[in-house]
Amino acid sequence: MALHGLQQFWLSTDGVGRAVALLLLLMSVAVWVLILWKGWVLRRATADIHRAVPAFWDAATLDDGRTRLAALDRERVLQPLLAAATAQPQPLTLEASGRVESQLTRRLRDALHRGLAHLQFGQVLLASIGSTAPFVGLFGTVWGIYHALAGMAAAGSITIDKVSGPIGEALIMTAAGIAVAVPAVLAYNVFGQWIAASEAELEGFAHDLREVVLSSAEP
């Protein structure tokens, strides 16, 4: 029924209505591509963090821990933290002129932000589509009703039978907008929880790395 209504709306509307329908279709495709891709990435990252962090701390040496991270950290959210913790600043630079604690904190912060940016990619698009798709569908409905009424007025005959059909078809656009928005909002909320949990784990790992490096640097 909905597919038939969309078909009738497509055939009876003008270029604006068809552009709205195509925009909703594009939004829906983008949402589902993001859901599938981000779901895969976040599941991998979450599993890797839970396996790689204990494996790293069970290593006998730093080189052994680095090897374990390289094997288990498929999304590369932990390895940059270790690289930042063990990096040496270039001599005769502003970075090297600061305290060791400040240098280490800055490098770990930058590495953490890059890892989180990878995990958060696409969240803005999901939120934008989730908040705007219902209004896009509503605009399509309003435009479809206006277009149908204008056509009937030009034909000189307006009856309930002739009005109810086009209005019912135009209302399909509102339903389509909601159908696009609901998965986007749900995915945004679920992925947000996963990212927040991973962020807490990464911050803890970065903090522990900082303490280990500073302890080893003490005379």
C-alpha atoms as a PDB file:
ATOM      1  CA  MET A   1       0.000   0.000   0.000  1.00  0.00           C
ATOM      2  CA  ALA A   2       2.742   2.435   0.929  1.00  0.00           C
ATOM      3  CA  LEU A   3       4.733   1.503  -2.188  1.00  0.00           C
ATOM      4  CA  HIS A   4       1.660   2.061  -4.349  1.00  0.00           C
ATOM      5  CA  GLY A   5       1.102   5.437  -2.668  1.00  0.00           C
ATOM      6  CA  LEU A   6       4.696   6.467  -3.323  1.00  0.00           C
ATOM      7  CA  GLN A   7       4.337   5.430  -6.949  1.00  0.00           C
ATOM      8  CA  GLN A   8       1.172   7.464  -7.366  1.00  0.00           C
ATOM      9  CA  PHE A   9       2.790  10.443  -5.609  1.00  0.00           C
ATOM     10  CA  TRP A  10       5.798  10.217  -7.940  1.00  0.00           C
ATOM     11  CA  LEU A  11       3.622  10.144 -11.042  1.00  0.00           C
ATOM     12  CA  SER A  12       1.307  12.942  -9.951  1.00  0.00           C
ATOM     13  CA  THR A  13       3.743  15.423  -8.371  1.00  0.00           C
ATOM     14  CA  ASP A  14       6.103  17.924  -9.968  1.00  0.00           C
ATOM     15  CA  GLY A  15       9.870  18.379  -9.843  1.00  0.00           C
ATOM     16  CA  VAL A  16       9.896  19.748  -6.288  1.00  0.00           C
ATOM     17  CA  GLY A  17       7.985  16.776  -4.914  1.00  0.00           C
ATOM     18  CA  ARG A  18      10.242  14.335  -6.745  1.00  0.00           C
ATOM     19  CA  ALA A  19      13.325  16.132  -5.440  1.00  0.00           C
ATOM     20  CA  VAL A  20      12.002  15.741  -1.884  1.00  0.00           C
ATOM     21  CA  ALA A  21      11.380  12.031  -2.472  1.00  0.00           C
ATOM     22  CA  LEU A  22      14.888  11.559  -3.861  1.00  0.00           C
ATOM     23  CA  LEU A  23      16.365  13.461  -0.920  1.00  0.00           C
ATOM     24  CA  LEU A  24      14.590  11.150   1.529  1.00  0.00           C
ATOM     25  CA  LEU A  25      15.837   8.149  -0.419  1.00  0.00           C
ATOM     26  CA  LEU A  26      19.398   9.500  -0.297  1.00  0.00           C
ATOM     27  CA  MET A  27      19.066  10.097   3.449  1.00  0.00           C
ATOM     28  CA  SER A  28      17.811   6.558   3.990  1.00  0.00           C
ATOM     29  CA  VAL A  29      20.694   5.040   2.018  1.00  0.00           C
ATOM     30  CA  ALA A  30      23.228   7.167   3.925  1.00  0.00           C
ATOM     31  CA  VAL A  31      21.713   6.152   7.282  1.00  0.00           C
ATOM     32  CA  TRP A  32      21.812   2.433   6.581  1.00  0.00           C
ATOM     33  CA  VAL A  33      25.324   2.561   5.133  1.00  0.00           C
ATOM     34  CA  LEU A  34      26.488   4.384   8.274  1.00  0.00           C
ATOM     35  CA  ILE A  35      24.643   1.983  10.556  1.00  0.00           C
ATOM     36  CA  LEU A  36      26.253  -1.059   8.962  1.00  0.00           C
ATOM     37  CA  TRP A  37      29.730   0.473   8.762  1.00  0.00           C
ATOM     38  CA  LYS A  38      29.783   2.069  12.224  1.00  0.00           C
ATOM     39  CA  GLY A  39      28.265  -1.003  13.820  1.00  0.00           C
ATOM     40  CA  TRP A  40      31.082  -3.090  12.364  1.00  0.00           C
ATOM     41  CA  VAL A  41      33.799  -0.604  13.370  1.00  0.00           C
ATOM     42  CA  LEU A  42      32.546  -0.067  16.916  1.00  0.00           C
ATOM     43  CA  ARG A  43      32.067  -3.771  17.581  1.00  0.00           C
ATOM     44  CA  ARG A  44      35.624  -4.416  16.442  1.00  0.00           C
ATOM     45  CA  ALA A  45      37.021  -1.516  18.459  1.00  0.00           C
ATOM     46  CA  THR A  46      35.149  -2.536  21.611  1.00  0.00           C
ATOM     47  CA  ALA A  47      36.274  -6.154  21.332  1.00  0.00           C
ATOM     48  CA  ASP A  48      39.863  -5.106  20.581  1.00  0.00           C
ATOM     49  CA  ILE A  49      40.064  -2.792  23.589  1.00  0.00           C
ATOM     50  CA  HIS A  50      38.775  -5.475  25.929  1.00  0.00           C
ATOM     51  CA  ARG A  51      41.327  -7.977  24.615  1.00  0.00           C
ATOM     52  CA  ALA A  52      44.319  -5.780  23.865  1.00  0.00           C
ATOM     53  CA  VAL A  53      44.551  -3.756  27.092  1.00  0.00           C
ATOM     54  CA  PRO A  54      44.852  -6.783  29.433  1.00  0.00           C
ATOM     55  CA  ALA A  55      47.222  -8.455  26.957  1.00  0.00           C
ATOM     56  CA  PHE A  56      49.433  -5.356  26.925  1.00  0.00           C
ATOM     57  CA  TRP A  57      49.703  -5.158  30.695  1.00  0.00           C
ATOM     58  CA  ASP A  58      50.465  -8.895  30.873  1.00  0.00           C
ATOM     59  CA  ALA A  59      53.493  -8.414  28.617  1.00  0.00           C
ATOM     60  CA  ALA A  60      56.956  -8.796  30.130  1.00  0.00           C
ATOM     61  CA  THR A  61      58.507  -5.891  28.240  1.00  0.00           C
ATOM     62  CA  LEU A  62      57.391  -2.772  26.429  1.00  0.00           C
ATOM     63  CA  ASP A  63      58.401  -4.260  23.077  1.00  0.00           C
ATOM     64  CA  ASP A  64      56.352  -7.359  23.800  1.00  0.00           C
ATOM     65  CA  GLY A  65      53.392  -5.162  24.737  1.00  0.00           C
ATOM     66  CA  ARG A  66      53.760  -3.194  21.506  1.00  0.00           C
ATOM     67  CA  THR A  67      53.737  -6.429  19.514  1.00  0.00           C
ATOM     68  CA  ARG A  68      50.584  -7.588  21.256  1.00  0.00           C
ATOM     69  CA  LEU A  69      48.833  -4.295  20.562  1.00  0.00           C
ATOM     70  CA  ALA A  70      49.797  -4.478  16.898  1.00  0.00           C
ATOM     71  CA  ALA A  71      48.201  -7.921  16.652  1.00  0.00           C
ATOM     72  CA  LEU A  72      44.992  -7.138  18.541  1.00  0.00           C
ATOM     73  CA  ASP A  73      44.281  -3.443  17.872  1.00  0.00           C
ATOM     74  CA  ARG A  74      42.633  -3.715  14.438  1.00  0.00           C
ATOM     75  CA  GLU A  75      41.046  -0.235  14.523  1.00  0.00           C
ATOM     76  CA  ARG A  76      44.299   1.379  15.720  1.00  0.00           C
ATOM     77  CA  VAL A  77      42.874   3.260  18.678  1.00  0.00           C
ATOM     78  CA  LEU A  78      45.392   1.956  21.241  1.00  0.00           C
ATOM     79  CA  GLN A  79      48.638   1.861  19.268  1.00  0.00           C
ATOM     80  CA  PRO A  80      48.764   5.665  18.751  1.00  0.00           C
ATOM     81  CA  LEU A  81      48.532   6.110  22.524  1.00  0.00           C
ATOM     82  CA  LEU A  82      51.528   3.859  23.097  1.00  0.00           C
ATOM     83  CA  ALA A  83      53.450   5.595  20.306  1.00  0.00           C
ATOM     84  CA  ALA A  84      52.664   8.991  21.839  1.00  0.00           C
ATOM     85  CA  ALA A  85      53.737   7.813  25.301  1.00  0.00           C
ATOM     86  CA  THR A  86      57.102   6.534  24.094  1.00  0.00           C
ATOM     87  CA  ALA A  87      57.865   9.257  21.532  1.00  0.00           C
ATOM     88  CA  GLN A  88      60.759  11.645  22.038  1.00  0.00           C
ATOM     89  CA  PRO A  89      60.325  15.322  21.118  1.00  0.00           C
ATOM     90  CA  GLN A  90      62.633  16.910  18.598  1.00  0.00           C
ATOM     91  CA  PRO A  91      65.453  18.801  20.327  1.00  0.00           C
ATOM     92  CA  LEU A  92      65.562  22.581  20.212  1.00  0.00           C
ATOM     93  CA  THR A  93      61.776  22.858  19.764  1.00  0.00           C
ATOM     94  CA  LEU A  94      59.072  24.416  21.889  1.00  0.00           C
ATOM     95  CA  GLU A  95      57.755  20.942  22.637  1.00  0.00           C
ATOM     96  CA  ALA A  96      61.095  19.853  24.058  1.00  0.00           C
ATOM     97  CA  SER A  97      61.362  22.975  26.205  1.00  0.00           C
ATOM     98  CA  GLY A  98      58.367  22.078  28.362  1.00  0.00           C
ATOM     99  CA  ARG A  99      58.260  19.788  31.354  1.00  0.00           C
ATOM    100  CA  VAL A 100      58.289  16.073  30.672  1.00  0.00           C
ATOM    101  CA  GLU A 101      54.875  15.673  32.299  1.00  0.00           C
ATOM    102  CA  SER A 102      53.377  18.388  30.097  1.00  0.00           C
ATOM    103  CA  GLN A 103      54.945  16.983  26.934  1.00  0.00           C
ATOM    104  CA  LEU A 104      53.582  13.529  27.693  1.00  0.00           C
ATOM    105  CA  THR A 105      50.107  14.814  28.535  1.00  0.00           C
ATOM    106  CA  ARG A 106      49.883  16.805  25.310  1.00  0.00           C
ATOM    107  CA  ARG A 107      50.991  13.893  23.116  1.00  0.00           C
ATOM    108  CA  LEU A 108      48.579  11.486  24.772  1.00  0.00           C
ATOM    109  CA  ARG A 109      45.730  13.989  24.539  1.00  0.00           C
ATOM    110  CA  ASP A 110      46.312  14.505  20.817  1.00  0.00           C
ATOM    111  CA  ALA A 111      46.500  10.752  20.172  1.00  0.00           C
ATOM    112  CA  LEU A 112      43.334  10.186  22.195  1.00  0.00           C
ATOM    113  CA  HIS A 113      41.448  12.844  20.242  1.00  0.00           C
ATOM    114  CA  ARG A 114      42.477  11.265  16.940  1.00  0.00           C
ATOM    115  CA  GLY A 115      41.282   7.853  18.069  1.00  0.00           C
ATOM    116  CA  LEU A 116      37.962   9.235  19.270  1.00  0.00           C
ATOM    117  CA  ALA A 117      37.486  11.154  16.017  1.00  0.00           C
ATOM    118  CA  HIS A 118      37.725   7.835  14.179  1.00  0.00           C
ATOM    119  CA  LEU A 119      35.081   6.265  16.425  1.00  0.00           C
ATOM    120  CA  GLN A 120      32.794   9.314  16.272  1.00  0.00           C
ATOM    121  CA  PHE A 121      32.882   9.661  12.492  1.00  0.00           C
ATOM    122  CA  GLY A 122      29.345   9.772  11.087  1.00  0.00           C
ATOM    123  CA  GLN A 123      27.613  10.693  14.339  1.00  0.00           C
ATOM    124  CA  VAL A 124      26.908  14.246  13.154  1.00  0.00           C
ATOM    125  CA  LEU A 125      25.319  12.948   9.947  1.00  0.00           C
ATOM    126  CA  LEU A 126      23.113  10.511  11.864  1.00  0.00           C
ATOM    127  CA  ALA A 127      21.970  13.273  14.213  1.00  0.00           C
ATOM    128  CA  SER A 128      21.332  15.681  11.330  1.00  0.00           C
ATOM    129  CA  ILE A 129      19.276  13.178   9.341  1.00  0.00           C
ATOM    130  CA  GLY A 130      17.383  12.064  12.431  1.00  0.00           C
ATOM    131  CA  SER A 131      16.357  15.628  13.233  1.00  0.00           C
ATOM    132  CA  THR A 132      15.604  16.883   9.711  1.00  0.00           C
ATOM    133  CA  ALA A 133      14.080  13.899   7.866  1.00  0.00           C
ATOM    134  CA  PRO A 134      10.593  14.275   9.444  1.00  0.00           C
ATOM    135  CA  PHE A 135      10.480  17.924   8.385  1.00  0.00           C
ATOM    136  CA  VAL A 136      11.632  17.054   4.877  1.00  0.00           C
ATOM    137  CA  GLY A 137       8.831  14.494   4.669  1.00  0.00           C
ATOM    138  CA  LEU A 138       6.349  17.014   6.038  1.00  0.00           C
ATOM    139  CA  PHE A 139       7.427  19.533   3.416  1.00  0.00           C
ATOM    140  CA  GLY A 140       6.876  16.886   0.758  1.00  0.00           C
ATOM    141  CA  THR A 141       3.374  16.270   2.096  1.00  0.00           C
ATOM    142  CA  VAL A 142       2.487  19.972   2.154  1.00  0.00           C
ATOM    143  CA  TRP A 143       3.865  20.481  -1.333  1.00  0.00           C
ATOM    144  CA  GLY A 144       2.034  17.428  -2.634  1.00  0.00           C
ATOM    145  CA  ILE A 145      -1.276  18.620  -1.213  1.00  0.00           C
ATOM    146  CA  TYR A 146      -0.741  22.117  -2.611  1.00  0.00           C
ATOM    147  CA  HIS A 147       0.179  20.718  -6.023  1.00  0.00           C
ATOM    148  CA  ALA A 148      -2.890  18.453  -6.062  1.00  0.00           C
ATOM    149  CA  LEU A 149      -5.287  21.226  -5.013  1.00  0.00           C
ATOM    150  CA  ALA A 150      -3.791  23.644  -7.509  1.00  0.00           C
ATOM    151  CA  GLY A 151      -4.303  21.111 -10.282  1.00  0.00           C
ATOM    152  CA  MET A 152      -7.917  20.504  -9.294  1.00  0.00           C
ATOM    153  CA  ALA A 153      -8.613  24.210  -9.064  1.00  0.00           C
ATOM    154  CA  ALA A 154      -7.231  24.687 -12.549  1.00  0.00           C
ATOM    155  CA  ALA A 155      -9.467  21.872 -13.786  1.00  0.00           C
ATOM    156  CA  GLY A 156     -12.470  23.616 -12.229  1.00  0.00           C
ATOM    157  CA  SER A 157     -13.785  20.657 -10.238  1.00  0.00           C
ATOM    158  CA  ILE A 158     -12.994  19.882  -6.583  1.00  0.00           C
ATOM    159  CA  THR A 159     -14.816  17.040  -4.842  1.00  0.00           C
ATOM    160  CA  ILE A 160     -14.098  14.959  -1.741  1.00  0.00           C
ATOM    161  CA  ASP A 161     -13.347  11.914  -3.871  1.00  0.00           C
ATOM    162  CA  LYS A 162     -10.826  13.782  -5.955  1.00  0.00           C
ATOM    163  CA  VAL A 163      -9.191  15.432  -2.935  1.00  0.00           C
ATOM    164  CA  SER A 164      -8.882  12.400  -0.638  1.00  0.00           C
ATOM    165  CA  GLY A 165      -6.736  10.390  -3.056  1.00  0.00           C
ATOM    166  CA  PRO A 166      -3.973  12.951  -3.652  1.00  0.00           C
ATOM    167  CA  ILE A 167      -3.919  13.957   0.020  1.00  0.00           C
ATOM    168  CA  GLY A 168      -3.552  10.338   1.105  1.00  0.00           C
ATOM    169  CA  GLU A 169      -0.714   9.869  -1.368  1.00  0.00           C
ATOM    170  CA  ALA A 170       1.009  13.048  -0.181  1.00  0.00           C
ATOM    171  CA  LEU A 171       0.818  11.897   3.450  1.00  0.00           C
ATOM    172  CA  ILE A 172       3.059   8.983   2.482  1.00  0.00           C
ATOM    173  CA  MET A 173       5.923  11.488   2.386  1.00  0.00           C
ATOM    174  CA  THR A 174       5.483  12.273   6.085  1.00  0.00           C
ATOM    175  CA  ALA A 175       5.556   8.565   6.872  1.00  0.00           C
ATOM    176  CA  ALA A 176       8.680   8.192   4.733  1.00  0.00           C
ATOM    177  CA  GLY A 177      10.399  11.012   6.625  1.00  0.00           C
ATOM    178  CA  ILE A 178       9.635   9.349   9.958  1.00  0.00           C
ATOM    179  CA  ALA A 179      10.804   5.989   8.606  1.00  0.00           C
ATOM    180  CA  VAL A 180      14.146   7.577   7.708  1.00  0.00           C
ATOM    181  CA  ALA A 181      14.511   9.424  11.012  1.00  0.00           C
ATOM    182  CA  VAL A 182      13.744   6.599  13.455  1.00  0.00           C
ATOM    183  CA  PRO A 183      16.695   4.317  12.529  1.00  0.00           C
ATOM    184  CA  ALA A 184      19.031   7.328  12.480  1.00  0.00           C
ATOM    185  CA  VAL A 185      18.030   8.444  15.979  1.00  0.00           C
ATOM    186  CA  LEU A 186      18.175   4.934  17.430  1.00  0.00           C
ATOM    187  CA  ALA A 187      21.584   4.281  15.861  1.00  0.00           C
ATOM    188  CA  TYR A 188      22.914   7.633  17.096  1.00  0.00           C
ATOM    189  CA  ASN A 189      21.917   6.827  20.671  1.00  0.00           C
ATOM    190  CA  VAL A 190      23.248   3.259  20.628  1.00  0.00           C
ATOM    191  CA  PHE A 191      26.526   4.231  18.975  1.00  0.00           C
ATOM    192  CA  GLY A 192      26.882   7.130  21.400  1.00  0.00           C
ATOM    193  CA  GLN A 193      26.806   4.697  24.307  1.00  0.00           C
ATOM    194  CA  TRP A 194      29.398   2.460  22.664  1.00  0.00           C
ATOM    195  CA  ILE A 195      31.671   5.415  21.943  1.00  0.00           C
ATOM    196  CA  ALA A 196      31.349   6.728  25.506  1.00  0.00           C
ATOM    197  CA  ALA A 197      32.307   3.311  26.902  1.00  0.00           C
ATOM    198  CA  SER A 198      35.304   3.073  24.548  1.00  0.00           C
ATOM    199  CA  GLU A 199      36.331   6.643  25.424  1.00  0.00           C
ATOM    200  CA  ALA A 200      36.423   5.758  29.121  1.00  0.00           C
ATOM    201  CA  GLU A 201      38.593   2.708  28.404  1.00  0.00           C
ATOM    202  CA  LEU A 202      40.973   4.708  26.208  1.00  0.00           C
ATOM    203  CA  GLU A 203      41.291   7.492  28.771  1.00  0.00           C
ATOM    204  CA  GLY A 204      42.100   4.922  31.453  1.00  0.00           C
ATOM    205  CA  PHE A 205      44.717   3.298  29.232  1.00  0.00           C
ATOM    206  CA  ALA A 206      46.270   6.687  28.436  1.00  0.00           C
ATOM    207  CA  HIS A 207      46.379   7.605  32.132  1.00  0.00           C
ATOM    208  CA  ASP A 208      48.055   4.307  33.054  1.00  0.00           C
ATOM    209  CA  LEU A 209      50.582   4.716  30.237  1.00  0.00           C
ATOM    210  CA  ARG A 210      51.428   8.193  31.485  1.00  0.00           C
ATOM    211  CA  GLU A 211      52.060   6.911  35.003  1.00  0.00           C
ATOM    212  CA  VAL A 212      54.267   4.077  33.778  1.00  0.00           C
ATOM    213  CA  VAL A 213      56.358   6.335  31.536  1.00  0.00           C
ATOM    214  CA  LEU A 214      56.813   8.953  34.243  1.00  0.00           C
ATOM    215  CA  SER A 215      57.772   6.286  36.814  1.00  0.00           C
ATOM    216  CA  SER A 216      60.358   4.808  34.466  1.00  0.00           C
ATOM    217  CA  ALA A 217      61.796   8.290  33.793  1.00  0.00           C
ATOM    218  CA  GLU A 218      62.396   8.977  37.468  1.00  0.00           C
ATOM    219  CA  PRO A 219      66.039   8.608  38.581  1.00  0.00           C
END
